[in-house]
PDB file of N, CA and C in Angstrom:
ATOM      1  N   MET A   1      33.335 -57.709 -92.609  1.00  0.00           N
ATOM      2  CA  MET A   1      31.980 -58.131 -92.850  1.00  0.00           C
ATOM      3  C   MET A   1      31.697 -58.055 -94.353  1.00  0.00           C
ATOM      4  N   ARG A   2      31.095 -59.058 -94.885  1.00  0.00           N
ATOM      5  CA  ARG A   2      30.801 -59.130 -96.323  1.00  0.00           C
ATOM      6  C   ARG A   2      29.459 -58.459 -96.613  1.00  0.00           C
ATOM      7  N   ILE A   3      29.479 -57.450 -97.474  1.00  0.00           N
ATOM      8  CA  ILE A   3      28.269 -56.736 -97.871  1.00  0.00           C
ATOM      9  C   ILE A   3      28.014 -57.000 -99.346  1.00  0.00           C
ATOM     10  N   LYS A   4      26.802 -57.412 -99.663  1.00  0.00           N
ATOM     11  CA  LYS A   4      26.446 -57.698-101.051  1.00  0.00           C
ATOM     12  C   LYS A   4      25.998 -56.454-101.805  1.00  0.00           C
ATOM     13  N   ASP A   5      25.343 -55.521-101.086  1.00  0.00           N
ATOM     14  CA  ASP A   5      24.797 -54.349-101.768  1.00  0.00           C
ATOM     15  C   ASP A   5      24.562 -53.234-100.756  1.00  0.00           C
ATOM     16  N   VAL A   6      24.327 -52.033-101.278  1.00  0.00           N
ATOM     17  CA  VAL A   6      24.008 -50.874-100.454  1.00  0.00           C
ATOM     18  C   VAL A   6      22.728 -50.261-101.004  1.00  0.00           C
ATOM     19  N   PHE A   7      21.753 -50.064-100.138  1.00  0.00           N
ATOM     20  CA  PHE A   7      20.505 -49.404-100.518  1.00  0.00           C
ATOM     21  C   PHE A   7      20.400 -48.096 -99.755  1.00  0.00           C
ATOM     22  N   VAL A   8      19.934 -47.054-100.438  1.00  0.00           N
ATOM     23  CA  VAL A   8      19.733 -45.747 -99.814  1.00  0.00           C
ATOM     24  C   VAL A   8      18.227 -45.531 -99.690  1.00  0.00           C
ATOM     25  N   LEU A   9      17.749 -45.373 -98.468  1.00  0.00           N
ATOM     26  CA  LEU A   9      16.320 -45.192 -98.236  1.00  0.00           C
ATOM     27  C   LEU A   9      15.861 -43.806 -98.687  1.00  0.00           C
ATOM     28  N   LYS A  10      14.551 -43.663 -98.928  1.00  0.00           N
ATOM     29  CA  LYS A  10      13.983 -42.405 -99.429  1.00  0.00           C
ATOM     30  C   LYS A  10      14.347 -41.213 -98.553  1.00  0.00           C
ATOM     31  N   GLU A  11      14.303 -41.408 -97.250  1.00  0.00           N
ATOM     32  CA  GLU A  11      14.613 -40.311 -96.335  1.00  0.00           C
ATOM     33  C   GLU A  11      16.057 -39.839 -96.504  1.00  0.00           C
ATOM     34  N   ALA A  12      16.958 -40.766 -96.741  1.00  0.00           N
ATOM     35  CA  ALA A  12      18.364 -40.409 -96.946  1.00  0.00           C
ATOM     36  C   ALA A  12      18.550 -39.692 -98.281  1.00  0.00           C
ATOM     37  N   ILE A  13      17.783 -40.094 -99.296  1.00  0.00           N
ATOM     38  CA  ILE A  13      17.827 -39.387-100.588  1.00  0.00           C
ATOM     39  C   ILE A  13      17.360 -37.947-100.387  1.00  0.00           C
ATOM     40  N   THR A  14      16.308 -37.764 -99.588  1.00  0.00           N
ATOM     41  CA  THR A  14      15.835 -36.410 -99.276  1.00  0.00           C
ATOM     42  C   THR A  14      16.928 -35.613 -98.576  1.00  0.00           C
ATOM     43  N   ASP A  15      17.632 -36.237 -97.636  1.00  0.00           N
ATOM     44  CA  ASP A  15      18.755 -35.567 -96.959  1.00  0.00           C
ATOM     45  C   ASP A  15      19.808 -35.119 -97.971  1.00  0.00           C
ATOM     46  N   LEU A  16      20.120 -35.982 -98.924  1.00  0.00           N
ATOM     47  CA  LEU A  16      21.118 -35.651 -99.951  1.00  0.00           C
ATOM     48  C   LEU A  16      20.655 -34.476-100.808  1.00  0.00           C
ATOM     49  N   HIS A  17      19.379 -34.474-101.195  1.00  0.00           N
ATOM     50  CA  HIS A  17      18.846 -33.361-101.991  1.00  0.00           C
ATOM     51  C   HIS A  17      18.904 -32.045-101.210  1.00  0.00           C
ATOM     52  N   GLU A  18      18.582 -32.100 -99.916  1.00  0.00           N
ATOM     53  CA  GLU A  18      18.647 -30.893 -99.089  1.00  0.00           C
ATOM     54  C   GLU A  18      20.077 -30.372 -98.987  1.00  0.00           C
ATOM     55  N   GLY A  19      21.044 -31.267 -98.828  1.00  0.00           N
ATOM     56  CA  GLY A  19      22.448 -30.858 -98.781  1.00  0.00           C
ATOM     57  C   GLY A  19      22.904 -30.259-100.096  1.00  0.00           C
ATOM     58  N   LYS A  20      22.502 -30.885-101.197  1.00  0.00           N
ATOM     59  CA  LYS A  20      22.868 -30.371-102.521  1.00  0.00           C
ATOM     60  C   LYS A  20      22.296 -28.975-102.723  1.00  0.00           C
ATOM     61  N   LYS A  21      21.040 -28.782-102.332  1.00  0.00           N
ATOM     62  CA  LYS A  21      20.395 -27.469-102.465  1.00  0.00           C
ATOM     63  C   LYS A  21      21.128 -26.425-101.618  1.00  0.00           C
ATOM     64  N   PHE A  22      21.481 -26.787-100.385  1.00  0.00           N
ATOM     65  CA  PHE A  22      22.197 -25.872 -99.501  1.00  0.00           C
ATOM     66  C   PHE A  22      23.503 -25.407-100.139  1.00  0.00           C
ATOM     67  N   TYR A  23      24.297 -26.354-100.648  1.00  0.00           N
ATOM     68  CA  TYR A  23      25.593 -25.985-101.221  1.00  0.00           C
ATOM     69  C   TYR A  23      25.450 -25.251-102.545  1.00  0.00           C
ATOM     70  N   ASN A  24      24.443 -25.573-103.353  1.00  0.00           N
ATOM     71  CA  ASN A  24      24.222 -24.832-104.596  1.00  0.00           C
ATOM     72  C   ASN A  24      23.766 -23.406-104.316  1.00  0.00           C
ATOM     73  N   ASN A  25      23.046 -23.187-103.214  1.00  0.00           N
ATOM     74  CA  ASN A  25      22.638 -21.831-102.848  1.00  0.00           C
ATOM     75  C   ASN A  25      23.839 -20.986-102.445  1.00  0.00           C
ATOM     76  N   ASN A  26      24.862 -21.622-101.901  1.00  0.00           N
ATOM     77  CA  ASN A  26      26.075 -20.895-101.518  1.00  0.00           C
ATOM     78  C   ASN A  26      26.942 -20.585-102.723  1.00  0.00           C
ATOM     79  N   GLU A  27      27.102 -21.561-103.602  1.00  0.00           N
ATOM     80  CA  GLU A  27      27.880 -21.361-104.831  1.00  0.00           C
ATOM     81  C   GLU A  27      27.479 -22.435-105.838  1.00  0.00           C
ATOM     82  N   MET A  28      27.053 -21.998-107.010  1.00  0.00           N
ATOM     83  CA  MET A  28      26.573 -22.927-108.027  1.00  0.00           C
ATOM     84  C   MET A  28      27.661 -23.939-108.390  1.00  0.00           C
ATOM     85  N   GLY A  29      27.270 -25.194-108.432  1.00  0.00           N
ATOM     86  CA  GLY A  29      28.192 -26.266-108.787  1.00  0.00           C
ATOM     87  C   GLY A  29      28.726 -27.033-107.591  1.00  0.00           C
ATOM     88  N   VAL A  30      28.777 -26.381-106.437  1.00  0.00           N
ATOM     89  CA  VAL A  30      29.280 -27.063-105.245  1.00  0.00           C
ATOM     90  C   VAL A  30      28.308 -28.163-104.819  1.00  0.00           C
ATOM     91  N   GLY A  31      27.020 -27.943-105.055  1.00  0.00           N
ATOM     92  CA  GLY A  31      26.022 -28.957-104.729  1.00  0.00           C
ATOM     93  C   GLY A  31      26.238 -30.241-105.508  1.00  0.00           C
ATOM     94  N   ASP A  32      26.623 -30.107-106.779  1.00  0.00           N
ATOM     95  CA  ASP A  32      26.908 -31.297-107.587  1.00  0.00           C
ATOM     96  C   ASP A  32      28.126 -32.039-107.048  1.00  0.00           C
ATOM     97  N   TYR A  33      29.129 -31.290-106.617  1.00  0.00           N
ATOM     98  CA  TYR A  33      30.320 -31.904-106.023  1.00  0.00           C
ATOM     99  C   TYR A  33      29.953 -32.606-104.711  1.00  0.00           C
ATOM    100  N   PHE A  34      29.097 -31.954-103.914  1.00  0.00           N
ATOM    101  CA  PHE A  34      28.595 -32.562-102.680  1.00  0.00           C
ATOM    102  C   PHE A  34      27.917 -33.895-102.991  1.00  0.00           C
ATOM    103  N   TRP A  35      27.009 -33.890-103.969  1.00  0.00           N
ATOM    104  CA  TRP A  35      26.261 -35.096-104.347  1.00  0.00           C
ATOM    105  C   TRP A  35      27.218 -36.224-104.745  1.00  0.00           C
ATOM    106  N   ASP A  36      28.151 -35.905-105.647  1.00  0.00           N
ATOM    107  CA  ASP A  36      29.104 -36.920-106.115  1.00  0.00           C
ATOM    108  C   ASP A  36      29.976 -37.450-104.974  1.00  0.00           C
ATOM    109  N   SER A  37      30.423 -36.554-104.107  1.00  0.00           N
ATOM    110  CA  SER A  37      31.284 -36.956-102.986  1.00  0.00           C
ATOM    111  C   SER A  37      30.547 -37.861-102.008  1.00  0.00           C
ATOM    112  N   LEU A  38      29.321 -37.487-101.660  1.00  0.00           N
ATOM    113  CA  LEU A  38      28.567 -38.300-100.707  1.00  0.00           C
ATOM    114  C   LEU A  38      28.189 -39.650-101.304  1.00  0.00           C
ATOM    115  N   LEU A  39      27.848 -39.681-102.584  1.00  0.00           N
ATOM    116  CA  LEU A  39      27.550 -40.972-103.216  1.00  0.00           C
ATOM    117  C   LEU A  39      28.781 -41.869-103.229  1.00  0.00           C
ATOM    118  N   SER A  40      29.943 -41.280-103.460  1.00  0.00           N
ATOM    119  CA  SER A  40      31.185 -42.054-103.410  1.00  0.00           C
ATOM    120  C   SER A  40      31.407 -42.629-102.009  1.00  0.00           C
ATOM    121  N   ASP A  41      31.170 -41.806-100.985  1.00  0.00           N
ATOM    122  CA  ASP A  41      31.290 -42.288 -99.605  1.00  0.00           C
ATOM    123  C   ASP A  41      30.314 -43.435 -99.347  1.00  0.00           C
ATOM    124  N   ILE A  42      29.083 -43.282 -99.816  1.00  0.00           N
ATOM    125  CA  ILE A  42      28.066 -44.318 -99.614  1.00  0.00           C
ATOM    126  C   ILE A  42      28.454 -45.600-100.339  1.00  0.00           C
ATOM    127  N   GLU A  43      28.947 -45.476-101.562  1.00  0.00           N
ATOM    128  CA  GLU A  43      29.365 -46.662-102.321  1.00  0.00           C
ATOM    129  C   GLU A  43      30.508 -47.401-101.629  1.00  0.00           C
ATOM    130  N   SER A  44      31.325 -46.682-100.873  1.00  0.00           N
ATOM    131  CA  SER A  44      32.445 -47.327-100.176  1.00  0.00           C
ATOM    132  C   SER A  44      31.972 -48.271 -99.071  1.00  0.00           C
ATOM    133  N   LEU A  45      30.699 -48.197 -98.719  1.00  0.00           N
ATOM    134  CA  LEU A  45      30.170 -49.105 -97.698  1.00  0.00           C
ATOM    135  C   LEU A  45      30.234 -50.562 -98.137  1.00  0.00           C
ATOM    136  N   VAL A  46      30.282 -50.810 -99.434  1.00  0.00           N
ATOM    137  CA  VAL A  46      30.420 -52.188 -99.916  1.00  0.00           C
ATOM    138  C   VAL A  46      31.682 -52.810 -99.322  1.00  0.00           C
ATOM    139  N   VAL A  47      32.704 -52.004 -99.148  1.00  0.00           N
ATOM    140  CA  VAL A  47      33.975 -52.487 -98.603  1.00  0.00           C
ATOM    141  C   VAL A  47      34.060 -52.265 -97.087  1.00  0.00           C
ATOM    142  N   TYR A  48      33.606 -51.103 -96.608  1.00  0.00           N
ATOM    143  CA  TYR A  48      33.874 -50.699 -95.232  1.00  0.00           C
ATOM    144  C   TYR A  48      32.703 -50.820 -94.260  1.00  0.00           C
ATOM    145  N   ALA A  49      31.548 -51.272 -94.698  1.00  0.00           N
ATOM    146  CA  ALA A  49      30.386 -51.355 -93.799  1.00  0.00           C
ATOM    147  C   ALA A  49      30.690 -52.240 -92.601  1.00  0.00           C
ATOM    148  N   GLY A  50      30.286 -51.753 -91.450  1.00  0.00           N
ATOM    149  CA  GLY A  50      30.446 -52.516 -90.221  1.00  0.00           C
ATOM    150  C   GLY A  50      31.644 -52.145 -89.380  1.00  0.00           C
ATOM    151  N   ILE A  51      32.558 -51.315 -89.914  1.00  0.00           N
ATOM    152  CA  ILE A  51      33.756 -50.962 -89.138  1.00  0.00           C
ATOM    153  C   ILE A  51      33.569 -49.683 -88.324  1.00  0.00           C
ATOM    154  N   HIS A  52      32.465 -48.992 -88.524  1.00  0.00           N
ATOM    155  CA  HIS A  52      32.235 -47.704 -87.876  1.00  0.00           C
ATOM    156  C   HIS A  52      31.542 -47.884 -86.529  1.00  0.00           C
ATOM    157  N   ARG A  53      31.641 -46.855 -85.697  1.00  0.00           N
ATOM    158  CA  ARG A  53      31.000 -46.931 -84.383  1.00  0.00           C
ATOM    159  C   ARG A  53      29.488 -46.751 -84.530  1.00  0.00           C
ATOM    160  N   LYS A  54      28.764 -47.272 -83.555  1.00  0.00           N
ATOM    161  CA  LYS A  54      27.308 -47.157 -83.567  1.00  0.00           C
ATOM    162  C   LYS A  54      26.864 -45.967 -82.723  1.00  0.00           C
ATOM    163  N   VAL A  55      25.868 -45.249 -83.258  1.00  0.00           N
ATOM    164  CA  VAL A  55      25.255 -44.119 -82.575  1.00  0.00           C
ATOM    165  C   VAL A  55      23.749 -44.298 -82.695  1.00  0.00           C
ATOM    166  N   GLU A  56      23.060 -44.310 -81.565  1.00  0.00           N
ATOM    167  CA  GLU A  56      21.598 -44.480 -81.559  1.00  0.00           C
ATOM    168  C   GLU A  56      21.161 -45.721 -82.339  1.00  0.00           C
ATOM    169  N   GLY A  57      21.964 -46.756 -82.316  1.00  0.00           N
ATOM    170  CA  GLY A  57      21.600 -48.014 -82.963  1.00  0.00           C
ATOM    171  C   GLY A  57      22.009 -48.147 -84.421  1.00  0.00           C
ATOM    172  N   PHE A  58      22.564 -47.079 -85.005  1.00  0.00           N
ATOM    173  CA  PHE A  58      23.013 -47.109 -86.398  1.00  0.00           C
ATOM    174  C   PHE A  58      24.528 -46.917 -86.458  1.00  0.00           C
ATOM    175  N   TYR A  59      25.142 -47.499 -87.466  1.00  0.00           N
ATOM    176  CA  TYR A  59      26.550 -47.217 -87.720  1.00  0.00           C
ATOM    177  C   TYR A  59      26.659 -45.779 -88.223  1.00  0.00           C
ATOM    178  N   GLN A  60      27.732 -45.090 -87.847  1.00  0.00           N
ATOM    179  CA  GLN A  60      27.948 -43.702 -88.249  1.00  0.00           C
ATOM    180  C   GLN A  60      29.276 -43.591 -88.989  1.00  0.00           C
ATOM    181  N   MET A  61      29.210 -43.178 -90.256  1.00  0.00           N
ATOM    182  CA  MET A  61      30.411 -42.970 -91.061  1.00  0.00           C
ATOM    183  C   MET A  61      30.468 -41.490 -91.438  1.00  0.00           C
ATOM    184  N   PHE A  62      31.629 -40.883 -91.272  1.00  0.00           N
ATOM    185  CA  PHE A  62      31.795 -39.477 -91.636  1.00  0.00           C
ATOM    186  C   PHE A  62      32.201 -39.353 -93.097  1.00  0.00           C
ATOM    187  N   SER A  63      31.618 -38.353 -93.769  1.00  0.00           N
ATOM    188  CA  SER A  63      31.997 -38.067 -95.147  1.00  0.00           C
ATOM    189  C   SER A  63      33.439 -37.578 -95.176  1.00  0.00           C
ATOM    190  N   LYS A  64      34.117 -37.863 -96.264  1.00  0.00           N
ATOM    191  CA  LYS A  64      35.524 -37.467 -96.374  1.00  0.00           C
ATOM    192  C   LYS A  64      35.712 -35.995 -96.735  1.00  0.00           C
ATOM    193  N   ARG A  65      34.750 -35.393 -97.441  1.00  0.00           N
ATOM    194  CA  ARG A  65      34.958 -34.035 -97.953  1.00  0.00           C
ATOM    195  C   ARG A  65      33.989 -32.985 -97.416  1.00  0.00           C
ATOM    196  N   PHE A  66      32.909 -33.405 -96.785  1.00  0.00           N
ATOM    197  CA  PHE A  66      31.912 -32.467 -96.278  1.00  0.00           C
ATOM    198  C   PHE A  66      31.584 -32.822 -94.827  1.00  0.00           C
ATOM    199  N   PRO A  67      31.131 -31.838 -94.044  1.00  0.00           N
ATOM    200  CA  PRO A  67      30.816 -32.116 -92.632  1.00  0.00           C
ATOM    201  C   PRO A  67      29.461 -32.818 -92.479  1.00  0.00           C
ATOM    202  N   TYR A  68      29.386 -34.014 -92.994  1.00  0.00           N
ATOM    203  CA  TYR A  68      28.163 -34.824 -92.955  1.00  0.00           C
ATOM    204  C   TYR A  68      28.480 -36.198 -92.398  1.00  0.00           C
ATOM    205  N   ALA A  69      27.474 -36.794 -91.758  1.00  0.00           N
ATOM    206  CA  ALA A  69      27.582 -38.164 -91.259  1.00  0.00           C
ATOM    207  C   ALA A  69      26.544 -39.018 -91.972  1.00  0.00           C
ATOM    208  N   ILE A  70      26.951 -40.212 -92.325  1.00  0.00           N
ATOM    209  CA  ILE A  70      26.084 -41.180 -92.996  1.00  0.00           C
ATOM    210  C   ILE A  70      25.735 -42.248 -91.964  1.00  0.00           C
ATOM    211  N   TYR A  71      24.450 -42.421 -91.723  1.00  0.00           N
ATOM    212  CA  TYR A  71      23.973 -43.413 -90.764  1.00  0.00           C
ATOM    213  C   TYR A  71      23.391 -44.591 -91.528  1.00  0.00           C
ATOM    214  N   TYR A  72      23.803 -45.792 -91.130  1.00  0.00           N
ATOM    215  CA  TYR A  72      23.339 -46.982 -91.844  1.00  0.00           C
ATOM    216  C   TYR A  72      23.202 -48.155 -90.896  1.00  0.00           C
ATOM    217  N   GLU A  73      22.480 -49.155 -91.356  1.00  0.00           N
ATOM    218  CA  GLU A  73      22.363 -50.409 -90.625  1.00  0.00           C
ATOM    219  C   GLU A  73      22.628 -51.548 -91.590  1.00  0.00           C
ATOM    220  N   ILE A  74      22.967 -52.692 -91.043  1.00  0.00           N
ATOM    221  CA  ILE A  74      23.268 -53.865 -91.868  1.00  0.00           C
ATOM    222  C   ILE A  74      22.267 -54.959 -91.522  1.00  0.00           C
ATOM    223  N   LYS A  75      21.606 -55.461 -92.560  1.00  0.00           N
ATOM    224  CA  LYS A  75      20.673 -56.582 -92.398  1.00  0.00           C
ATOM    225  C   LYS A  75      20.873 -57.532 -93.566  1.00  0.00           C
ATOM    226  N   ASN A  76      21.091 -58.797 -93.251  1.00  0.00           N
ATOM    227  CA  ASN A  76      21.231 -59.829 -94.287  1.00  0.00           C
ATOM    228  C   ASN A  76      22.267 -59.459 -95.352  1.00  0.00           C
ATOM    229  N   GLU A  77      23.418 -58.996 -94.914  1.00  0.00           N
ATOM    230  CA  GLU A  77      24.547 -58.641 -95.786  1.00  0.00           C
ATOM    231  C   GLU A  77      24.247 -57.478 -96.734  1.00  0.00           C
ATOM    232  N   ILE A  78      23.279 -56.632 -96.368  1.00  0.00           N
ATOM    233  CA  ILE A  78      22.957 -55.434 -97.145  1.00  0.00           C
ATOM    234  C   ILE A  78      23.045 -54.238 -96.203  1.00  0.00           C
ATOM    235  N   ALA A  79      23.731 -53.180 -96.655  1.00  0.00           N
ATOM    236  CA  ALA A  79      23.825 -51.945 -95.880  1.00  0.00           C
ATOM    237  C   ALA A  79      22.698 -51.016 -96.329  1.00  0.00           C
ATOM    238  N   TYR A  80      21.894 -50.572 -95.379  1.00  0.00           N
ATOM    239  CA  TYR A  80      20.786 -49.658 -95.649  1.00  0.00           C
ATOM    240  C   TYR A  80      21.141 -48.288 -95.084  1.00  0.00           C
ATOM    241  N   VAL A  81      21.288 -47.300 -95.959  1.00  0.00           N
ATOM    242  CA  VAL A  81      21.581 -45.937 -95.522  1.00  0.00           C
ATOM    243  C   VAL A  81      20.254 -45.301 -95.117  1.00  0.00           C
ATOM    244  N   VAL A  82      20.143 -44.916 -93.849  1.00  0.00           N
ATOM    245  CA  VAL A  82      18.884 -44.384 -93.335  1.00  0.00           C
ATOM    246  C   VAL A  82      18.901 -42.865 -93.178  1.00  0.00           C
ATOM    247  N   ALA A  83      20.083 -42.262 -93.107  1.00  0.00           N
ATOM    248  CA  ALA A  83      20.170 -40.811 -92.945  1.00  0.00           C
ATOM    249  C   ALA A  83      21.534 -40.305 -93.394  1.00  0.00           C
ATOM    250  N   VAL A  84      21.530 -39.083 -93.920  1.00  0.00           N
ATOM    251  CA  VAL A  84      22.760 -38.372 -94.280  1.00  0.00           C
ATOM    252  C   VAL A  84      22.582 -36.971 -93.704  1.00  0.00           C
ATOM    253  N   LEU A  85      23.202 -36.718 -92.552  1.00  0.00           N
ATOM    254  CA  LEU A  85      22.903 -35.508 -91.794  1.00  0.00           C
ATOM    255  C   LEU A  85      24.128 -34.617 -91.611  1.00  0.00           C
ATOM    256  N   PRO A  86      23.891 -33.278 -91.629  1.00  0.00           N
ATOM    257  CA  PRO A  86      24.995 -32.331 -91.430  1.00  0.00           C
ATOM    258  C   PRO A  86      25.473 -32.341 -89.983  1.00  0.00           C
ATOM    259  N   MET A  87      26.775 -32.359 -89.806  1.00  0.00           N
ATOM    260  CA  MET A  87      27.361 -32.393 -88.468  1.00  0.00           C
ATOM    261  C   MET A  87      27.373 -31.011 -87.806  1.00  0.00           C
ATOM    262  N   ARG A  88      27.124 -29.971 -88.558  1.00  0.00           N
ATOM    263  CA  ARG A  88      27.141 -28.620 -87.991  1.00  0.00           C
ATOM    264  C   ARG A  88      25.783 -28.194 -87.444  1.00  0.00           C
ATOM    265  N   ARG A  89      24.795 -29.073 -87.564  1.00  0.00           N
ATOM    266  CA  ARG A  89      23.484 -28.804 -86.966  1.00  0.00           C
ATOM    267  C   ARG A  89      23.545 -29.124 -85.478  1.00  0.00           C
ATOM    268  N   ASP A  90      22.529 -28.682 -84.769  1.00  0.00           N
ATOM    269  CA  ASP A  90      22.392 -28.975 -83.346  1.00  0.00           C
ATOM    270  C   ASP A  90      22.361 -30.491 -83.141  1.00  0.00           C
ATOM    271  N   PRO A  91      23.198 -31.030 -82.265  1.00  0.00           N
ATOM    272  CA  PRO A  91      23.213 -32.480 -82.030  1.00  0.00           C
ATOM    273  C   PRO A  91      21.844 -33.035 -81.614  1.00  0.00           C
ATOM    274  N   ILE A  92      21.053 -32.231 -80.928  1.00  0.00           N
ATOM    275  CA  ILE A  92      19.708 -32.674 -80.538  1.00  0.00           C
ATOM    276  C   ILE A  92      18.843 -32.857 -81.775  1.00  0.00           C
ATOM    277  N   TRP A  93      18.979 -31.960 -82.752  1.00  0.00           N
ATOM    278  CA  TRP A  93      18.233 -32.081 -84.014  1.00  0.00           C
ATOM    279  C   TRP A  93      18.638 -33.364 -84.736  1.00  0.00           C
ATOM    280  N   ASN A  94      19.947 -33.624 -84.813  1.00  0.00           N
ATOM    281  CA  ASN A  94      20.431 -34.852 -85.462  1.00  0.00           C
ATOM    282  C   ASN A  94      19.900 -36.094 -84.750  1.00  0.00           C
ATOM    283  N   ARG A  95      19.965 -36.105 -83.430  1.00  0.00           N
ATOM    284  CA  ARG A  95      19.482 -37.257 -82.661  1.00  0.00           C
ATOM    285  C   ARG A  95      17.991 -37.484 -82.920  1.00  0.00           C
ATOM    286  N   LYS A  96      17.221 -36.398 -82.974  1.00  0.00           N
ATOM    287  CA  LYS A  96      15.777 -36.511 -83.241  1.00  0.00           C
ATOM    288  C   LYS A  96      15.535 -37.132 -84.613  1.00  0.00           C
ATOM    289  N   LYS A  97      16.277 -36.671 -85.612  1.00  0.00           N
ATOM    290  CA  LYS A  97      16.136 -37.216 -86.973  1.00  0.00           C
ATOM    291  C   LYS A  97      16.454 -38.710 -86.999  1.00  0.00           C
ATOM    292  N   ILE A  98      17.519 -39.091 -86.317  1.00  0.00           N
ATOM    293  CA  ILE A  98      17.918 -40.500 -86.294  1.00  0.00           C
ATOM    294  C   ILE A  98      16.855 -41.343 -85.587  1.00  0.00           C
ATOM    295  N   MET A  99      16.349 -40.849 -84.464  1.00  0.00           N
ATOM    296  CA  MET A  99      15.345 -41.598 -83.704  1.00  0.00           C
ATOM    297  C   MET A  99      14.052 -41.766 -84.502  1.00  0.00           C
ATOM    298  N   GLU A 100      13.705 -40.764 -85.315  1.00  0.00           N
ATOM    299  CA  GLU A 100      12.503 -40.860 -86.153  1.00  0.00           C
ATOM    300  C   GLU A 100      12.625 -41.986 -87.172  1.00  0.00           C
ATOM    301  N   ARG A 101      13.834 -42.346 -87.513  1.00  0.00           N
ATOM    302  CA  ARG A 101      14.055 -43.329 -88.579  1.00  0.00           C
ATOM    303  C   ARG A 101      14.366 -44.723 -88.059  1.00  0.00           C
ATOM    304  N   SER A 102      14.335 -44.894 -86.751  1.00  0.00           N
ATOM    305  CA  SER A 102      14.635 -46.230 -86.225  1.00  0.00           C
ATOM    306  C   SER A 102      13.386 -47.070 -86.044  1.00  0.00           C
TER     307      SER A 102
END
């Protein structure tokens, strides 16, 4: 599938900030690595968008270096990242977050 661009919605940016804060609280500097790694994963959607399985109506891509899932949708050849959620949270919590954003 041909993707022209990737947009990250405000809610997903908030998810990224929360993840960065969590990892920086554990060890300073890890949050910056988390941020860079997840942005790299998100940027890869230009090439790989559309190949992932759908969950609750959104495509779900797993981060390569952290236990996070990136949820996105494709409209008019643009991938919209709607959520970046930790996989170690309660699955019901994750499902609720995803449903709030649909």
